Amino acid sequence: MRYHDIGTDRFRLPPSHPILATLSIDPVNWRDLQRLDADDLTIHIVGHDAPQDGQMTVYVACASPAVRDRLEDGWG
């Protein structure tokens, strides 16, 4: 999904990372995802919701649809 497809101004995605991934993760994995963000130049965390019912939603800007698919397969 591209930024303009979601119809919201909630996130400003950089031109280098125009694809938005929405991940639902266990909050215990939050630090691992932050470390991946720091190490992987193809993704950038742009926001997250507060944990609720043992899950948290994380919004990640991705460099390509393939990166989004890989990220969603591994974390989603």
N, C-alpha and C. Protein backbone atom coordinates (compact mmCIF):
# COMPACT_ATOMS: atom_id res chain seq x y z
N MET A 1 0.84 -1.17 0.00
CA MET A 1 0.00 0.00 0.00
C MET A 1 0.89 1.23 0.00
N ARG A 2 0.60 2.14 -0.88
CA ARG A 2 1.34 3.38 -0.91
C ARG A 2 0.69 4.40 0.01
N TYR A 3 1.47 5.35 0.46
CA TYR A 3 1.01 6.36 1.41
C TYR A 3 -0.28 7.02 0.95
N HIS A 4 -0.34 7.42 -0.32
CA HIS A 4 -1.52 8.13 -0.78
C HIS A 4 -2.74 7.21 -0.86
N ASP A 5 -2.57 5.91 -0.84
CA ASP A 5 -3.68 4.98 -0.87
C ASP A 5 -4.40 4.85 0.47
N ILE A 6 -3.75 5.23 1.58
CA ILE A 6 -4.38 5.02 2.88
C ILE A 6 -5.28 6.18 3.27
N GLY A 7 -5.23 7.27 2.53
CA GLY A 7 -6.16 8.36 2.75
C GLY A 7 -6.06 9.02 4.12
N THR A 8 -4.87 9.13 4.65
CA THR A 8 -4.70 9.77 5.95
C THR A 8 -3.42 10.58 5.95
N ASP A 9 -3.39 11.58 6.78
CA ASP A 9 -2.17 12.38 6.94
C ASP A 9 -1.42 11.96 8.19
N ARG A 10 -1.73 10.78 8.70
CA ARG A 10 -1.12 10.34 9.95
C ARG A 10 0.40 10.19 9.84
N PHE A 11 0.88 9.71 8.71
CA PHE A 11 2.31 9.49 8.53
C PHE A 11 2.80 10.18 7.27
N ARG A 12 3.99 10.69 7.36
CA ARG A 12 4.65 11.27 6.19
C ARG A 12 5.78 10.32 5.82
N LEU A 13 5.58 9.60 4.73
CA LEU A 13 6.58 8.63 4.31
C LEU A 13 7.61 9.31 3.42
N PRO A 14 8.89 9.02 3.64
CA PRO A 14 9.92 9.62 2.80
C PRO A 14 9.86 9.03 1.39
N PRO A 15 10.27 9.79 0.39
CA PRO A 15 10.25 9.28 -0.99
C PRO A 15 11.06 7.99 -1.15
N SER A 16 12.07 7.80 -0.33
CA SER A 16 12.89 6.59 -0.42
C SER A 16 12.19 5.36 0.16
N HIS A 17 11.12 5.56 0.94
CA HIS A 17 10.39 4.48 1.60
C HIS A 17 8.88 4.71 1.43
N PRO A 18 8.36 4.59 0.20
CA PRO A 18 6.97 4.97 -0.07
C PRO A 18 5.91 3.92 0.27
N ILE A 19 6.31 2.76 0.74
CA ILE A 19 5.37 1.66 1.00
C ILE A 19 5.16 1.51 2.50
N LEU A 20 3.90 1.48 2.94
CA LEU A 20 3.59 1.37 4.36
C LEU A 20 3.23 -0.06 4.72
N ALA A 21 3.90 -0.59 5.73
CA ALA A 21 3.56 -1.89 6.31
C ALA A 21 2.93 -1.65 7.67
N THR A 22 1.88 -2.37 7.97
CA THR A 22 1.23 -2.29 9.27
C THR A 22 1.40 -3.64 9.94
N LEU A 23 2.15 -3.65 11.05
CA LEU A 23 2.46 -4.89 11.74
C LEU A 23 1.74 -4.94 13.08
N SER A 24 1.24 -6.10 13.42
CA SER A 24 0.68 -6.34 14.74
C SER A 24 1.66 -7.27 15.45
N ILE A 25 2.30 -6.75 16.51
CA ILE A 25 3.34 -7.53 17.19
C ILE A 25 3.04 -7.65 18.67
N ASP A 26 3.65 -8.63 19.29
CA ASP A 26 3.63 -8.75 20.74
C ASP A 26 4.56 -7.65 21.27
N PRO A 27 4.14 -6.86 22.24
CA PRO A 27 4.99 -5.78 22.75
C PRO A 27 6.37 -6.24 23.21
N VAL A 28 6.52 -7.50 23.59
CA VAL A 28 7.83 -8.00 24.00
C VAL A 28 8.84 -7.95 22.85
N ASN A 29 8.36 -7.91 21.60
CA ASN A 29 9.23 -7.86 20.42
C ASN A 29 9.56 -6.44 19.96
N TRP A 30 9.06 -5.44 20.67
CA TRP A 30 9.26 -4.05 20.27
C TRP A 30 10.73 -3.69 20.12
N ARG A 31 11.56 -4.04 21.08
CA ARG A 31 12.99 -3.69 21.01
C ARG A 31 13.68 -4.40 19.85
N ASP A 32 13.29 -5.63 19.57
CA ASP A 32 13.87 -6.35 18.43
C ASP A 32 13.54 -5.63 17.12
N LEU A 33 12.32 -5.17 16.99
CA LEU A 33 11.93 -4.44 15.78
C LEU A 33 12.67 -3.11 15.69
N GLN A 34 12.88 -2.44 16.81
CA GLN A 34 13.66 -1.20 16.80
C GLN A 34 15.10 -1.46 16.37
N ARG A 35 15.67 -2.55 16.83
CA ARG A 35 17.05 -2.88 16.43
C ARG A 35 17.11 -3.18 14.93
N LEU A 36 16.10 -3.89 14.42
CA LEU A 36 16.06 -4.16 12.98
C LEU A 36 15.97 -2.85 12.21
N ASP A 37 15.17 -1.92 12.69
CA ASP A 37 15.04 -0.61 12.05
C ASP A 37 16.40 0.09 12.01
N ALA A 38 17.16 0.01 13.07
CA ALA A 38 18.47 0.66 13.13
C ALA A 38 19.49 0.01 12.19
N ASP A 39 19.35 -1.29 11.96
CA ASP A 39 20.33 -2.03 11.16
C ASP A 39 19.96 -2.17 9.68
N ASP A 40 18.69 -2.07 9.35
CA ASP A 40 18.21 -2.34 7.99
C ASP A 40 17.83 -1.03 7.31
N LEU A 41 18.56 -0.65 6.29
CA LEU A 41 18.31 0.62 5.60
C LEU A 41 17.06 0.61 4.73
N THR A 42 16.41 -0.55 4.57
CA THR A 42 15.23 -0.64 3.71
C THR A 42 13.93 -0.40 4.46
N ILE A 43 14.00 -0.21 5.79
CA ILE A 43 12.80 0.05 6.57
C ILE A 43 13.02 1.23 7.51
N HIS A 44 11.90 1.83 7.93
CA HIS A 44 11.96 2.93 8.90
C HIS A 44 10.63 2.95 9.67
N ILE A 45 10.67 2.77 10.97
CA ILE A 45 9.47 2.83 11.80
C ILE A 45 8.97 4.28 11.81
N VAL A 46 7.71 4.48 11.43
CA VAL A 46 7.16 5.83 11.38
C VAL A 46 6.14 6.09 12.49
N GLY A 47 5.73 5.04 13.18
CA GLY A 47 4.79 5.24 14.28
C GLY A 47 4.34 3.92 14.88
N HIS A 48 3.64 4.04 16.00
CA HIS A 48 3.08 2.85 16.65
C HIS A 48 1.96 3.28 17.57
N ASP A 49 1.08 2.34 17.85
CA ASP A 49 0.01 2.56 18.80
C ASP A 49 0.41 1.96 20.14
N ALA A 50 -0.24 2.40 21.19
CA ALA A 50 0.03 1.84 22.51
C ALA A 50 -0.40 0.37 22.55
N PRO A 51 0.33 -0.45 23.29
CA PRO A 51 -0.07 -1.85 23.41
C PRO A 51 -1.49 -1.97 23.97
N GLN A 52 -2.21 -2.93 23.41
CA GLN A 52 -3.58 -3.17 23.86
C GLN A 52 -3.91 -4.64 23.66
N ASP A 53 -4.39 -5.28 24.70
CA ASP A 53 -4.76 -6.69 24.65
C ASP A 53 -3.60 -7.58 24.18
N GLY A 54 -2.40 -7.27 24.63
CA GLY A 54 -1.24 -8.10 24.33
C GLY A 54 -0.68 -7.93 22.93
N GLN A 55 -1.11 -6.89 22.20
CA GLN A 55 -0.60 -6.62 20.86
C GLN A 55 -0.36 -5.13 20.71
N MET A 56 0.52 -4.79 19.79
CA MET A 56 0.68 -3.38 19.45
C MET A 56 0.84 -3.28 17.94
N THR A 57 0.30 -2.20 17.39
CA THR A 57 0.39 -1.97 15.95
C THR A 57 1.56 -1.03 15.68
N VAL A 58 2.41 -1.45 14.74
CA VAL A 58 3.58 -0.66 14.37
C VAL A 58 3.48 -0.36 12.88
N TYR A 59 3.75 0.89 12.52
CA TYR A 59 3.69 1.33 11.13
C TYR A 59 5.11 1.54 10.64
N VAL A 60 5.45 0.86 9.54
CA VAL A 60 6.82 0.85 9.05
C VAL A 60 6.84 1.28 7.58
N ALA A 61 7.65 2.28 7.27
CA ALA A 61 7.87 2.69 5.89
C ALA A 61 8.89 1.75 5.27
N CYS A 62 8.59 1.25 4.08
CA CYS A 62 9.45 0.27 3.40
C CYS A 62 9.91 0.81 2.05
N ALA A 63 11.08 0.38 1.63
CA ALA A 63 11.66 0.84 0.38
C ALA A 63 10.99 0.22 -0.84
N SER A 64 10.32 -0.93 -0.69
CA SER A 64 9.69 -1.59 -1.84
C SER A 64 8.59 -2.53 -1.35
N PRO A 65 7.71 -2.95 -2.25
CA PRO A 65 6.70 -3.94 -1.87
C PRO A 65 7.31 -5.25 -1.39
N ALA A 66 8.44 -5.65 -1.96
CA ALA A 66 9.10 -6.89 -1.53
C ALA A 66 9.58 -6.79 -0.08
N VAL A 67 10.08 -5.63 0.30
CA VAL A 67 10.51 -5.41 1.68
C VAL A 67 9.30 -5.50 2.60
N ARG A 68 8.19 -4.86 2.23
CA ARG A 68 6.97 -4.92 3.02
C ARG A 68 6.50 -6.36 3.19
N ASP A 69 6.49 -7.12 2.11
CA ASP A 69 6.05 -8.51 2.17
C ASP A 69 6.93 -9.33 3.09
N ARG A 70 8.25 -9.15 2.98
CA ARG A 70 9.19 -9.87 3.84
C ARG A 70 8.98 -9.51 5.31
N LEU A 71 8.78 -8.23 5.56
CA LEU A 71 8.57 -7.75 6.92
C LEU A 71 7.26 -8.30 7.49
N GLU A 72 6.19 -8.24 6.72
CA GLU A 72 4.91 -8.74 7.19
C GLU A 72 4.94 -10.25 7.40
N ASP A 73 5.67 -10.99 6.56
CA ASP A 73 5.79 -12.43 6.74
C ASP A 73 6.55 -12.78 8.00
N GLY A 74 7.58 -11.99 8.32
CA GLY A 74 8.41 -12.28 9.47
C GLY A 74 7.88 -11.76 10.79
N TRP A 75 7.07 -10.69 10.75
CA TRP A 75 6.60 -10.07 11.99
C TRP A 75 5.08 -10.10 12.13
N GLY A 76 4.38 -10.23 11.03
CA GLY A 76 2.92 -10.13 11.07
C GLY A 76 2.21 -11.33 11.56
